[in-house]
């Protein structure tokens, strides 16, 4: 029942909101759906920790430790973005009313579009996590693309439409390759499984027999899947849609795309990685993942160093961290899988804090420019500015924050796999990203007073920042036992060999 609740709550919220006219009622339904979805995700985690796996509909919907981890991380981001979004759009409405610099005209129709599409967006991401069937998994990932495209165009600016168009074209090409890879996986397994029907594409059916799949076909299938879901994750060189989409989308949408959508794409890739390593051994898939992981981290470095927009800076940071997750998966072994999943967990908590602080700064100053915008935010935003610096230190893996642990675990996996050159490049890239990121954020936060009014504009936007900052600090010293059990169980699924 937990699986059904996880899917039905946001779906019903979306259906109810479509017919509403009162923005405050839309907000209420949205907040209830976010809280309910998180409760259902926690319920699912409890069932998985107790029983190992949970399924529904003859295995059509299925959750193991890996599924439950992605589901609860998605639900967490969905939950924390909900109150922030309420304050964010109210601020846009207020700036519009008083003629201040804002993001654009906010009409009732636009608000309805956001509050109806975002639960649908959440439903698609939850469906990714609990789809046992690889074909349905592809459909769910496509659903996240369709929902998020319209959210990127929220403000209706020409640049927003251009960003959404680029996202749609590149995402469509990528997911076409992922679909071909899924079909080839079915073809590779067909002779072994000796049957037809939807159940022959269930991951729980394919995984035990993967060692007998047609090996040349599986090689081609994994290459296509890597290119396809890698495009969705924003891995280089298929990353070019990310800076535009993150720069144009509302801040809460950017937070969802940079964490939950990234997790869903990496999750889909990880499922195929397990099938491929069981079929071909770890060497083939690992080499490709290490290549794309290092390329993604490396290509983010120069753009972070010369970046002029802090919203686009967060996009390149997302490309960097997607590369770290893929690199950890490519290093393989117990440390590689554990490092990747820890990084996914800590990134899902830390990155929304960055987007919230960036959104507050942009609404307060009317600009997201690092060079031309007003500096000295510490004098204008007494809560968001210091939390912006804290989040920047955390996201770059500065000790004692939690992402230092996950990056160090990935580093250990590289040494264990005897990938010395890859480890050296990884360390060099991470240090360069740290230098560029901290340089830009300190420029933005410190400096002489800029003449901006002092004070946070809304409790709706301030409390989520404070709550997330506290969680980020706590995770640097303590990881709750149920969360670690979930991560450890998911790592065993990825590291287990037949």
Protein backbone atom coordinates (compact mmCIF):
# COMPACT_ATOMS: atom_id res chain seq x y z
CA UNK A 1 0.00 0.00 0.00
CA UNK A 2 2.92 2.36 0.58
CA UNK A 3 3.82 2.22 -3.11
CA UNK A 4 0.27 3.11 -4.14
CA UNK A 5 0.06 5.94 -1.61
CA UNK A 6 3.35 7.35 -2.90
CA UNK A 7 1.97 7.53 -6.44
CA UNK A 8 -1.64 8.47 -5.76
CA UNK A 9 -1.07 11.42 -3.39
CA UNK A 10 0.70 13.73 -5.89
CA UNK A 11 -1.49 12.50 -8.75
CA UNK A 12 -4.68 13.39 -6.88
CA UNK A 13 -3.21 16.74 -5.82
CA UNK A 14 -2.49 17.61 -9.44
CA UNK A 15 -6.02 16.62 -10.53
CA UNK A 16 -7.64 18.65 -7.73
CA UNK A 17 -5.53 21.77 -8.38
CA UNK A 18 -6.46 21.94 -12.07
CA UNK A 19 -10.00 23.01 -11.20
CA UNK A 20 -9.06 25.57 -8.55
CA UNK A 21 -9.14 29.36 -8.85
CA UNK A 22 -8.00 30.48 -5.39
CA UNK A 23 -4.17 30.62 -5.16
CA UNK A 24 -4.20 30.07 -1.39
CA UNK A 25 -6.15 26.84 -1.79
CA UNK A 26 -3.70 25.74 -4.47
CA UNK A 27 -0.87 26.36 -2.00
CA UNK A 28 -2.65 24.33 0.68
CA UNK A 29 -3.19 21.33 -1.59
CA UNK A 30 0.44 21.53 -2.72
CA UNK A 31 1.74 21.59 0.86
CA UNK A 32 -0.50 18.69 1.87
CA UNK A 33 0.64 16.64 -1.14
CA UNK A 34 4.31 17.29 -0.30
CA UNK A 35 3.84 16.26 3.33
CA UNK A 36 1.75 13.24 2.36
CA UNK A 37 4.27 12.09 -0.27
CA UNK A 38 7.11 12.30 2.24
CA UNK A 39 5.06 10.32 4.75
CA UNK A 40 4.35 7.65 2.12
CA UNK A 41 8.05 7.50 1.19
CA UNK A 42 9.03 7.01 4.85
CA UNK A 43 6.38 4.30 5.10
CA UNK A 44 7.88 2.61 2.04
CA UNK A 45 11.37 2.80 3.55
CA UNK A 46 10.10 1.17 6.75
CA UNK A 47 8.52 -1.68 4.76
CA UNK A 48 11.68 -2.22 2.72
CA UNK A 49 13.93 -2.22 5.80
CA UNK A 50 11.58 -4.73 7.43
CA UNK A 51 10.89 -7.04 4.46
CA UNK A 52 13.76 -6.48 2.01
CA UNK A 53 11.51 -5.84 -1.00
CA UNK A 54 7.96 -4.59 -1.57
CA UNK A 55 5.91 -5.21 -4.70
CA UNK A 56 2.42 -4.64 -6.06
CA UNK A 57 0.49 -5.85 -9.10
CA UNK A 58 2.40 -9.09 -9.72
CA UNK A 59 5.68 -7.26 -9.46
CA UNK A 60 4.78 -4.41 -11.82
CA UNK A 61 5.62 -1.94 -9.07
CA UNK A 62 8.63 -2.95 -7.00
CA UNK A 63 10.86 -1.42 -4.36
CA UNK A 64 14.12 -2.62 -2.89
CA UNK A 65 16.66 -0.62 -0.89
CA UNK A 66 17.82 1.27 -3.97
CA UNK A 67 14.28 2.17 -5.03
CA UNK A 68 13.32 3.23 -1.53
CA UNK A 69 16.41 5.45 -1.21
CA UNK A 70 15.65 7.31 -4.45
CA UNK A 71 11.98 7.60 -3.49
CA UNK A 72 12.64 9.08 -0.04
CA UNK A 73 15.28 11.50 -1.38
CA UNK A 74 12.83 12.66 -4.05
CA UNK A 75 10.09 13.05 -1.45
CA UNK A 76 12.44 14.99 0.82
CA UNK A 77 13.31 17.51 -1.90
CA UNK A 78 9.64 17.74 -2.87
CA UNK A 79 8.78 18.44 0.78
CA UNK A 80 11.36 21.17 1.44
CA UNK A 81 10.70 22.97 -1.86
CA UNK A 82 6.95 23.22 -1.18
CA UNK A 83 6.94 25.92 1.55
CA UNK A 84 9.81 27.71 -0.16
CA UNK A 85 7.84 27.83 -3.43
CA UNK A 86 4.88 29.42 -1.63
CA UNK A 87 7.06 32.26 -0.36
CA UNK A 88 8.97 32.53 -3.63
CA UNK A 89 5.90 33.09 -5.77
CA UNK A 90 4.26 35.35 -3.21
CA UNK A 91 7.38 37.50 -3.39
CA UNK A 92 7.10 37.59 -7.18
CA UNK A 93 3.47 38.69 -6.82
CA UNK A 94 4.44 41.39 -4.32
CA UNK A 95 7.23 42.75 -6.53
CA UNK A 96 4.79 42.82 -9.44
CA UNK A 97 2.21 44.72 -7.34
CA UNK A 98 4.66 47.41 -6.25
CA UNK A 99 6.43 47.65 -9.58
CA UNK A 100 9.77 46.35 -8.32
CA UNK A 101 12.29 44.39 -10.36
CA UNK A 102 11.02 40.83 -10.57
CA UNK A 103 11.02 37.72 -12.68
CA UNK A 104 7.95 38.55 -14.71
CA UNK A 105 4.18 38.78 -14.54
CA UNK A 106 2.63 36.18 -12.22
CA UNK A 107 -0.97 35.46 -13.14
CA UNK A 108 -3.43 33.08 -11.53
CA UNK A 109 -3.12 30.80 -14.57
CA UNK A 110 0.65 30.62 -14.10
CA UNK A 111 0.27 29.74 -10.43
CA UNK A 112 -2.25 27.04 -11.32
CA UNK A 113 0.21 25.73 -13.89
CA UNK A 114 2.93 25.46 -11.27
CA UNK A 115 0.79 23.94 -8.51
CA UNK A 116 -0.79 21.41 -10.89
CA UNK A 117 2.36 20.44 -12.81
CA UNK A 118 4.74 20.11 -9.86
CA UNK A 119 2.78 17.26 -8.17
CA UNK A 120 2.62 15.60 -11.61
CA UNK A 121 6.37 16.10 -11.84
CA UNK A 122 6.69 14.45 -8.42
CA UNK A 123 4.45 11.56 -9.48
CA UNK A 124 6.68 10.89 -12.49
CA UNK A 125 9.81 10.84 -10.33
CA UNK A 126 8.21 8.50 -7.79
CA UNK A 127 7.15 6.23 -10.64
CA UNK A 128 10.78 6.10 -11.81
CA UNK A 129 11.80 4.83 -8.37
CA UNK A 130 9.19 2.08 -8.06
CA UNK A 131 8.93 0.86 -11.69
CA UNK A 132 10.10 -2.73 -11.91
CA UNK A 133 9.53 -2.83 -15.64
CA UNK A 134 12.36 -1.18 -17.59
CA UNK A 135 9.91 -0.01 -20.26
CA UNK A 136 7.75 1.70 -17.64
CA UNK A 137 10.92 3.16 -16.15
CA UNK A 138 11.63 4.81 -19.50
CA UNK A 139 8.05 6.13 -19.69
CA UNK A 140 8.38 7.60 -16.20
CA UNK A 141 11.67 9.34 -17.04
CA UNK A 142 10.02 10.75 -20.16
CA UNK A 143 7.19 11.96 -17.90
CA UNK A 144 9.64 13.94 -15.78
CA UNK A 145 10.90 15.62 -18.95
CA UNK A 146 7.44 16.59 -20.18
CA UNK A 147 6.39 18.03 -16.82
CA UNK A 148 9.61 19.95 -16.22
CA UNK A 149 9.72 21.48 -19.72
CA UNK A 150 6.57 23.49 -18.99
CA UNK A 151 7.93 24.49 -15.58
CA UNK A 152 11.11 25.83 -17.20
CA UNK A 153 8.90 28.08 -19.37
CA UNK A 154 7.04 29.39 -16.29
CA UNK A 155 7.95 33.06 -16.74
CA UNK A 156 7.32 33.04 -20.48
CA UNK A 157 10.45 35.02 -21.36
CA UNK A 158 12.07 34.41 -24.77
CA UNK A 159 15.13 33.04 -22.98
CA UNK A 160 12.89 30.67 -21.00
CA UNK A 161 11.31 29.34 -24.18
CA UNK A 162 14.74 28.91 -25.76
CA UNK A 163 16.01 27.00 -22.71
CA UNK A 164 12.95 24.74 -22.70
CA UNK A 165 13.31 24.09 -26.43
CA UNK A 166 16.95 23.08 -26.01
CA UNK A 167 16.01 20.85 -23.08
CA UNK A 168 13.21 19.23 -25.08
CA UNK A 169 15.35 18.54 -28.15
CA UNK A 170 18.39 17.19 -26.32
CA UNK A 171 16.25 15.30 -23.82
CA UNK A 172 14.19 13.78 -26.63
CA UNK A 173 17.27 12.61 -28.51
CA UNK A 174 18.78 11.19 -25.34
CA UNK A 175 15.66 9.34 -24.29
CA UNK A 176 15.29 7.92 -27.80
CA UNK A 177 18.71 6.30 -27.35
CA UNK A 178 17.66 5.05 -23.90
CA UNK A 179 14.56 3.49 -25.47
CA UNK A 180 16.67 1.69 -28.10
CA UNK A 181 18.96 0.48 -25.34
CA UNK A 182 15.96 -0.87 -23.42
CA UNK A 183 14.69 -2.70 -26.51
CA UNK A 184 18.13 -4.21 -27.10
CA UNK A 185 18.26 -5.35 -23.47
CA UNK A 186 14.99 -7.19 -24.01
CA UNK A 187 16.40 -8.72 -27.20
CA UNK A 188 19.57 -9.83 -25.38
CA UNK A 189 17.48 -11.52 -22.68
CA UNK A 190 14.74 -12.95 -24.91
CA UNK A 191 16.39 -16.27 -25.76
CA UNK A 192 17.43 -16.87 -22.16
CA UNK A 193 14.09 -16.11 -20.54
CA UNK A 194 12.15 -17.95 -23.23
CA UNK A 195 8.97 -15.94 -22.94
CA UNK A 196 7.15 -12.84 -24.07
CA UNK A 197 5.16 -10.15 -22.31
CA UNK A 198 5.71 -7.17 -20.08
CA UNK A 199 7.10 -9.23 -17.20
CA UNK A 200 10.13 -10.15 -19.32
CA UNK A 201 11.31 -6.55 -18.92
CA UNK A 202 10.99 -6.57 -15.13
CA UNK A 203 14.34 -5.82 -13.49
CA UNK A 204 13.70 -8.46 -10.81
CA UNK A 205 13.27 -11.05 -13.58
CA UNK A 206 16.23 -9.92 -15.69
CA UNK A 207 18.84 -9.54 -12.93
CA UNK A 208 19.13 -13.21 -11.83
CA UNK A 209 19.68 -14.39 -15.44
CA UNK A 210 21.82 -11.51 -16.71
CA UNK A 211 24.96 -13.65 -16.88
CA UNK A 212 23.46 -15.59 -19.81
CA UNK A 213 22.40 -12.60 -21.94
CA UNK A 214 23.72 -12.06 -25.48
CA UNK A 215 26.97 -10.25 -24.74
CA UNK A 216 27.55 -8.24 -27.97
CA UNK A 217 23.96 -6.98 -27.81
CA UNK A 218 24.36 -6.00 -24.14
CA UNK A 219 27.46 -3.96 -25.00
CA UNK A 220 25.52 -1.92 -27.53
CA UNK A 221 22.52 -1.68 -25.20
CA UNK A 222 24.59 -0.24 -22.36
CA UNK A 223 26.28 2.32 -24.62
CA UNK A 224 22.86 3.57 -25.78
CA UNK A 225 21.46 3.61 -22.24
CA UNK A 226 24.51 5.50 -20.97
CA UNK A 227 24.15 8.13 -23.68
CA UNK A 228 20.38 8.31 -23.16
CA UNK A 229 20.07 8.53 -19.41
CA UNK A 230 23.41 10.35 -19.30
CA UNK A 231 21.78 13.14 -21.30
CA UNK A 232 18.97 13.29 -18.74
CA UNK A 233 21.55 13.42 -15.93
CA UNK A 234 23.47 16.17 -17.73
CA UNK A 235 26.70 14.22 -18.13
CA UNK A 236 29.24 15.80 -20.50
CA UNK A 237 29.19 16.17 -23.42
CA UNK A 238 25.35 15.92 -23.30
CA UNK A 239 25.13 18.60 -20.61
CA UNK A 240 24.53 21.79 -22.61
CA UNK A 241 20.82 22.08 -21.73
CA UNK A 242 21.46 22.33 -17.99
CA UNK A 243 22.85 25.87 -17.56
CA UNK A 244 20.04 27.39 -19.64
CA UNK A 245 17.27 25.39 -17.96
CA UNK A 246 18.52 26.00 -14.42
CA UNK A 247 19.08 29.69 -15.13
CA UNK A 248 15.53 30.23 -16.43
CA UNK A 249 13.44 27.96 -14.22
CA UNK A 250 12.01 29.24 -10.92
CA UNK A 251 14.36 28.46 -8.02
CA UNK A 252 12.19 25.64 -6.54
CA UNK A 253 12.02 23.96 -9.96
CA UNK A 254 15.79 24.28 -10.32
CA UNK A 255 16.22 22.59 -6.93
CA UNK A 256 14.00 19.68 -8.00
CA UNK A 257 15.79 19.28 -11.32
CA UNK A 258 19.28 19.50 -9.82
CA UNK A 259 18.60 16.82 -7.21
CA UNK A 260 15.55 14.62 -7.73
CA UNK A 261 15.72 14.47 -11.54
CA UNK A 262 19.48 13.86 -11.43
CA UNK A 263 18.91 11.04 -8.93
CA UNK A 264 16.26 9.47 -11.16
CA UNK A 265 18.55 9.50 -14.21
CA UNK A 266 21.49 8.04 -12.25
CA UNK A 267 19.14 5.45 -10.75
CA UNK A 268 17.96 4.32 -14.19
CA UNK A 269 21.55 4.11 -15.38
CA UNK A 270 22.52 2.12 -12.26
CA UNK A 271 19.85 -0.50 -12.94
CA UNK A 272 21.29 -1.15 -16.39
CA UNK A 273 24.81 -1.06 -14.95
CA UNK A 274 23.96 -4.03 -12.72
CA UNK A 275 22.59 -6.01 -15.68
CA UNK A 276 25.65 -5.17 -17.79
CA UNK A 277 28.23 -6.08 -15.15
CA UNK A 278 26.49 -9.38 -14.49
CA UNK A 279 26.44 -10.10 -18.20
CA UNK A 280 29.89 -8.84 -19.27
CA UNK A 281 31.82 -8.44 -16.04
CA UNK A 282 32.63 -5.06 -14.48
CA UNK A 283 35.41 -3.93 -16.83
CA UNK A 284 33.39 -2.75 -19.84
CA UNK A 285 30.78 -0.68 -18.00
CA UNK A 286 33.31 0.67 -15.51
CA UNK A 287 35.62 2.07 -18.17
CA UNK A 288 32.76 3.94 -19.84
CA UNK A 289 31.42 5.32 -16.57
CA UNK A 290 34.86 6.48 -15.44
CA UNK A 291 35.38 8.20 -18.79
CA UNK A 292 32.05 10.05 -18.69
CA UNK A 293 32.39 10.81 -14.99
CA UNK A 294 35.81 12.42 -15.35
CA UNK A 295 34.74 14.26 -18.49
CA UNK A 296 31.73 15.73 -16.65
CA UNK A 297 33.78 16.85 -13.65
CA UNK A 298 36.56 18.20 -15.87
CA UNK A 299 34.30 20.13 -18.23
CA UNK A 300 32.59 21.83 -15.28
CA UNK A 301 35.89 23.26 -14.04
CA UNK A 302 36.55 26.05 -16.61
CA UNK A 303 32.91 27.13 -16.65
CA UNK A 304 32.82 27.37 -12.86
CA UNK A 305 36.07 29.36 -12.83
CA UNK A 306 34.82 32.02 -15.28
CA UNK A 307 31.11 32.00 -14.42
CA UNK A 308 29.20 35.30 -14.19
CA UNK A 309 25.76 34.03 -13.11
CA UNK A 310 25.31 32.23 -9.83
CA UNK A 311 22.24 30.36 -11.09
CA UNK A 312 24.33 28.95 -13.95
CA UNK A 313 27.12 28.32 -11.45
CA UNK A 314 24.77 25.92 -9.67
CA UNK A 315 24.06 24.19 -12.99
CA UNK A 316 27.75 23.47 -13.57
CA UNK A 317 28.01 22.33 -9.96
CA UNK A 318 25.23 19.83 -10.71
CA UNK A 319 27.16 18.57 -13.75
CA UNK A 320 30.21 18.17 -11.50
CA UNK A 321 28.33 16.17 -8.87
CA UNK A 322 26.58 14.00 -11.44
CA UNK A 323 30.05 13.16 -12.72
CA UNK A 324 31.21 12.26 -9.19
CA UNK A 325 28.27 9.87 -8.73
CA UNK A 326 28.94 8.17 -12.07
CA UNK A 327 32.66 8.02 -11.29
CA UNK A 328 31.95 6.27 -7.99
CA UNK A 329 29.70 3.78 -9.75
CA UNK A 330 32.41 3.21 -12.35
CA UNK A 331 35.11 2.56 -9.76
CA UNK A 332 32.89 -0.26 -8.56
CA UNK A 333 33.22 -2.49 -5.57
CA UNK A 334 31.71 -1.89 -2.16
CA UNK A 335 33.38 1.51 -1.72
CA UNK A 336 32.37 2.75 -5.18
CA UNK A 337 28.68 1.94 -4.74
CA UNK A 338 28.64 3.23 -1.18
CA UNK A 339 30.41 6.47 -2.15
CA UNK A 340 28.01 7.08 -5.03
CA UNK A 341 24.91 6.57 -2.87
CA UNK A 342 26.24 8.62 0.03
CA UNK A 343 27.03 11.40 -2.43
CA UNK A 344 23.52 11.17 -3.88
CA UNK A 345 22.05 11.42 -0.38
CA UNK A 346 24.15 14.34 0.82
CA UNK A 347 23.82 16.19 -2.50
CA UNK A 348 20.01 15.90 -2.29
CA UNK A 349 20.07 17.72 1.05
CA UNK A 350 22.70 20.34 0.26
CA UNK A 351 21.89 21.47 -3.27
CA UNK A 352 18.32 22.72 -2.50
CA UNK A 353 19.84 24.98 0.18
CA UNK A 354 22.04 26.56 -2.50
CA UNK A 355 19.07 27.11 -4.81
CA UNK A 356 16.98 28.62 -2.03
CA UNK A 357 19.73 31.06 -1.06
CA UNK A 358 20.35 31.90 -4.73
CA UNK A 359 16.61 32.47 -5.25
CA UNK A 360 16.43 34.76 -2.22
CA UNK A 361 19.45 36.71 -3.44
CA UNK A 362 18.07 37.06 -6.97
CA UNK A 363 14.67 38.26 -5.78
CA UNK A 364 16.26 40.71 -3.33
CA UNK A 365 18.71 42.22 -5.82
CA UNK A 366 16.80 41.73 -9.09
CA UNK A 367 19.86 40.11 -10.67
CA UNK A 368 21.77 36.82 -10.62
CA UNK A 369 25.00 38.36 -11.89
CA UNK A 370 28.16 37.73 -9.88
CA UNK A 371 30.21 40.46 -11.55
CA UNK A 372 27.68 43.22 -12.25
CA UNK A 373 25.16 42.57 -9.50
CA UNK A 374 25.43 44.18 -6.07
CA UNK A 375 27.81 42.48 -3.67
CA UNK A 376 27.88 42.59 0.09
CA UNK A 377 24.80 40.41 0.49
CA UNK A 378 25.83 39.74 4.07
CA UNK A 379 24.69 43.29 4.89
CA UNK A 380 21.32 42.84 3.17
CA UNK A 381 20.32 39.20 3.84
CA UNK A 382 21.31 38.32 7.41
CA UNK A 383 20.08 34.71 7.12
CA UNK A 384 20.35 33.74 3.44
CA UNK A 385 23.84 35.20 2.87
CA UNK A 386 25.70 33.27 5.60
CA UNK A 387 23.72 30.13 4.74
CA UNK A 388 24.76 30.63 1.10
CA UNK A 389 28.40 30.49 2.21
CA UNK A 390 27.74 27.47 4.42
CA UNK A 391 26.03 25.64 1.56
CA UNK A 392 28.90 26.52 -0.80
CA UNK A 393 31.43 25.06 1.64
CA UNK A 394 29.28 21.95 2.07
CA UNK A 395 28.67 21.35 -1.64
CA UNK A 396 32.38 21.59 -2.44
CA UNK A 397 33.22 18.84 0.03
CA UNK A 398 34.88 20.97 2.69
CA UNK A 399 35.41 19.08 5.97
CA UNK A 400 33.62 18.47 8.26
CA UNK A 401 30.57 18.60 5.98
CA UNK A 402 29.08 15.31 4.81
CA UNK A 403 30.07 15.56 1.14
CA UNK A 404 33.72 15.35 2.17
CA UNK A 405 32.93 11.84 3.43
CA UNK A 406 31.22 10.76 0.22
CA UNK A 407 33.97 12.18 -2.00
CA UNK A 408 36.61 10.53 0.18
CA UNK A 409 34.74 7.21 -0.14
CA UNK A 410 34.76 7.59 -3.94
CA UNK A 411 38.48 8.33 -3.68
CA UNK A 412 39.03 5.13 -1.67
CA UNK A 413 37.10 3.20 -4.32
CA UNK A 414 39.45 4.56 -6.99
CA UNK A 415 42.52 3.43 -5.07
CA UNK A 416 40.93 0.03 -4.38
CA UNK A 417 40.27 -0.38 -8.11
CA UNK A 418 43.86 0.70 -8.88
CA UNK A 419 42.66 3.60 -11.06
CA UNK A 420 45.56 5.88 -10.12
CA UNK A 421 45.37 8.25 -13.08
CA UNK A 422 41.60 8.67 -12.66
CA UNK A 423 42.07 9.37 -8.94
CA UNK A 424 44.71 12.04 -9.60
CA UNK A 425 42.48 13.76 -12.16
CA UNK A 426 39.52 13.52 -9.81
CA UNK A 427 41.42 15.22 -6.98
CA UNK A 428 42.76 17.95 -9.29
CA UNK A 429 39.29 18.71 -10.69
CA UNK A 430 37.65 18.76 -7.24
CA UNK A 431 40.27 21.21 -5.91
CA UNK A 432 39.78 23.48 -8.94
CA UNK A 433 36.00 23.43 -8.52
CA UNK A 434 36.40 24.30 -4.84
CA UNK A 435 38.61 27.29 -5.64
CA UNK A 436 36.32 28.68 -8.32
CA UNK A 437 33.09 28.11 -6.40
CA UNK A 438 34.28 29.64 -3.13
CA UNK A 439 35.86 32.61 -4.95
CA UNK A 440 32.57 33.51 -6.64
CA UNK A 441 30.38 33.01 -3.57
CA UNK A 442 32.65 35.05 -1.28
CA UNK A 443 32.66 37.85 -3.87
CA UNK A 444 28.89 37.81 -3.79
CA UNK A 445 28.49 37.70 -0.02
CA UNK A 446 31.29 39.88 1.33
CA UNK A 447 32.06 43.45 0.50
CA UNK A 448 30.88 46.96 1.25
CA UNK A 449 27.16 47.58 1.84
CA UNK A 450 25.41 47.93 -1.49
CA UNK A 451 22.51 50.13 -0.40
CA UNK A 452 19.98 47.30 -0.62
CA UNK A 453 17.26 47.14 2.04
CA UNK A 454 18.19 44.88 4.94
CA UNK A 455 16.07 41.92 5.96
CA UNK A 456 14.58 38.67 4.71
CA UNK A 457 11.36 39.16 2.79
CA UNK A 458 9.35 36.15 3.94
CA UNK A 459 9.27 33.50 6.64
CA UNK A 460 8.13 31.03 4.00
CA UNK A 461 11.52 31.47 2.32
CA UNK A 462 13.61 31.82 5.48
CA UNK A 463 12.50 28.84 7.54
CA UNK A 464 13.30 26.23 4.84
CA UNK A 465 16.78 27.76 4.55
CA UNK A 466 17.36 27.51 8.31
CA UNK A 467 15.95 23.96 8.51
CA UNK A 468 18.08 22.71 5.62
CA UNK A 469 21.19 24.38 7.01
CA UNK A 470 20.68 22.59 10.32
CA UNK A 471 20.27 19.25 8.53
CA UNK A 472 23.42 19.88 6.50
CA UNK A 473 25.38 20.61 9.68
CA UNK A 474 24.02 17.56 11.52
CA UNK A 475 24.78 15.22 8.60
CA UNK A 476 28.42 16.27 8.83
CA UNK A 477 28.62 14.52 12.20
CA UNK A 478 25.82 11.98 12.30
CA UNK A 479 23.98 9.83 9.76
CA UNK A 480 20.81 8.29 11.23
CA UNK A 481 20.95 4.49 11.45
CA UNK A 482 17.87 3.84 9.22
CA UNK A 483 19.35 6.06 6.50
CA UNK A 484 22.69 4.27 6.67
CA UNK A 485 20.93 0.87 6.57
CA UNK A 486 19.05 1.97 3.48
CA UNK A 487 22.20 3.29 1.77
CA UNK A 488 24.18 0.18 2.71
CA UNK A 489 21.46 -2.12 1.38
CA UNK A 490 21.30 -0.17 -1.88
CA UNK A 491 25.11 -0.35 -2.19
CA UNK A 492 24.98 -4.13 -1.86
CA UNK A 493 22.54 -4.29 -4.80
CA UNK A 494 24.94 -2.30 -7.00
CA UNK A 495 28.12 -4.05 -5.86
CA UNK A 496 26.78 -7.62 -5.78
CA UNK A 497 28.14 -9.91 -8.46
CA UNK A 498 26.42 -13.14 -9.56
